[in-house]
Protein backbone atom coordinates (compact mmCIF):
# COMPACT_ATOMS: atom_id res chain seq x y z
CA UNK A 1 0.00 0.00 0.00
CA UNK A 2 1.59 3.24 -1.10
CA UNK A 3 0.57 6.29 0.86
CA UNK A 4 0.48 9.68 -0.73
CA UNK A 5 1.00 12.37 1.84
CA UNK A 6 -0.34 15.82 1.13
CA UNK A 7 2.17 17.42 3.47
CA UNK A 8 5.68 16.17 4.08
CA UNK A 9 7.80 17.15 7.08
CA UNK A 10 11.54 16.77 7.03
CA UNK A 11 12.94 15.05 10.08
CA UNK A 12 16.27 13.70 11.17
CA UNK A 13 16.65 10.46 13.10
CA UNK A 14 19.60 8.49 14.38
CA UNK A 15 19.56 4.74 13.74
CA UNK A 16 21.85 2.07 15.06
CA UNK A 17 24.45 1.14 12.44
CA UNK A 18 23.46 -2.54 12.59
CA UNK A 19 19.84 -1.64 11.86
CA UNK A 20 20.83 0.60 8.95
CA UNK A 21 23.04 -2.17 7.56
CA UNK A 22 20.09 -4.59 7.68
CA UNK A 23 17.83 -2.05 5.98
CA UNK A 24 20.39 -1.57 3.24
CA UNK A 25 20.79 -5.31 2.82
CA UNK A 26 17.09 -6.17 2.55
CA UNK A 27 15.57 -2.96 1.19
CA UNK A 28 13.48 -3.81 -1.90
CA UNK A 29 12.83 -0.12 -2.64
CA UNK A 30 15.03 2.31 -4.54
CA UNK A 31 15.53 4.51 -1.45
CA UNK A 32 15.80 4.14 2.32
CA UNK A 33 13.05 6.73 2.62
CA UNK A 34 10.60 4.49 0.76
CA UNK A 35 11.60 1.56 2.94
CA UNK A 36 11.10 3.53 6.16
CA UNK A 37 7.75 4.91 4.94
CA UNK A 38 6.50 1.39 4.21
CA UNK A 39 7.95 -0.07 7.42
CA UNK A 40 6.27 2.63 9.52
CA UNK A 41 2.92 2.16 7.76
CA UNK A 42 3.09 -1.62 8.26
CA UNK A 43 3.95 -1.23 11.94
CA UNK A 44 1.14 1.30 12.47
CA UNK A 45 -1.35 -1.09 10.83
CA UNK A 46 -0.24 -3.79 13.27
CA UNK A 47 -0.64 -1.44 16.24
CA UNK A 48 -4.15 -0.48 15.08
CA UNK A 49 -5.04 -4.18 14.78
CA UNK A 50 -3.80 -4.81 18.32
CA UNK A 51 -5.93 -1.96 19.66
CA UNK A 52 -8.99 -3.31 17.85
CA UNK A 53 -8.26 -6.86 19.06
CA UNK A 54 -7.86 -5.64 22.66
CA UNK A 55 -11.15 -3.73 22.48
CA UNK A 56 -12.91 -6.75 20.99
CA UNK A 57 -11.50 -9.06 23.67
CA UNK A 58 -12.64 -6.68 26.40
CA UNK A 59 -16.12 -6.42 24.88
CA UNK A 60 -16.39 -10.22 24.57
CA UNK A 61 -15.27 -10.68 28.16
CA UNK A 62 -17.80 -8.12 29.36
CA UNK A 63 -20.58 -9.77 27.33
CA UNK A 64 -19.62 -13.22 28.67
CA UNK A 65 -19.80 -11.96 32.25
CA UNK A 66 -23.19 -10.38 31.56
CA UNK A 67 -24.45 -13.59 29.90
CA UNK A 68 -23.26 -15.64 32.87
CA UNK A 69 -25.10 -13.39 35.32
CA UNK A 70 -28.30 -13.57 33.26
CA UNK A 71 -27.98 -17.36 32.94
CA UNK A 72 -27.63 -17.74 36.72
CA UNK A 73 -30.74 -15.64 37.25
CA UNK A 74 -32.82 -17.59 34.71
CA UNK A 75 -31.49 -20.96 35.82
CA UNK A 76 -33.03 -20.53 39.26
CA UNK A 77 -36.35 -19.44 37.75
CA UNK A 78 -36.39 -22.34 35.29
CA UNK A 79 -35.59 -24.91 37.98
CA UNK A 80 -38.48 -23.69 40.17
CA UNK A 81 -40.99 -25.31 37.83
CA UNK A 82 -39.18 -28.69 38.11
CA UNK A 83 -39.55 -28.90 41.90
């Protein structure tokens, strides 16, 4: 996925030499900049997925607790007619 930014900001970062060497070795793009753009986008997608997964897990857990409470309430009512 190629992003097209409407506004670019120049920044300077310091990377460990070993990391830069690995980027240079495996970079499939013509420039480091393209590699870093794509790497950042991919990492941000993963972070967004984690946030969504965490929210979904919390919602499921909350719903399960609510279902359990409702089941306990109805179980007693249902068993009354069997006595």
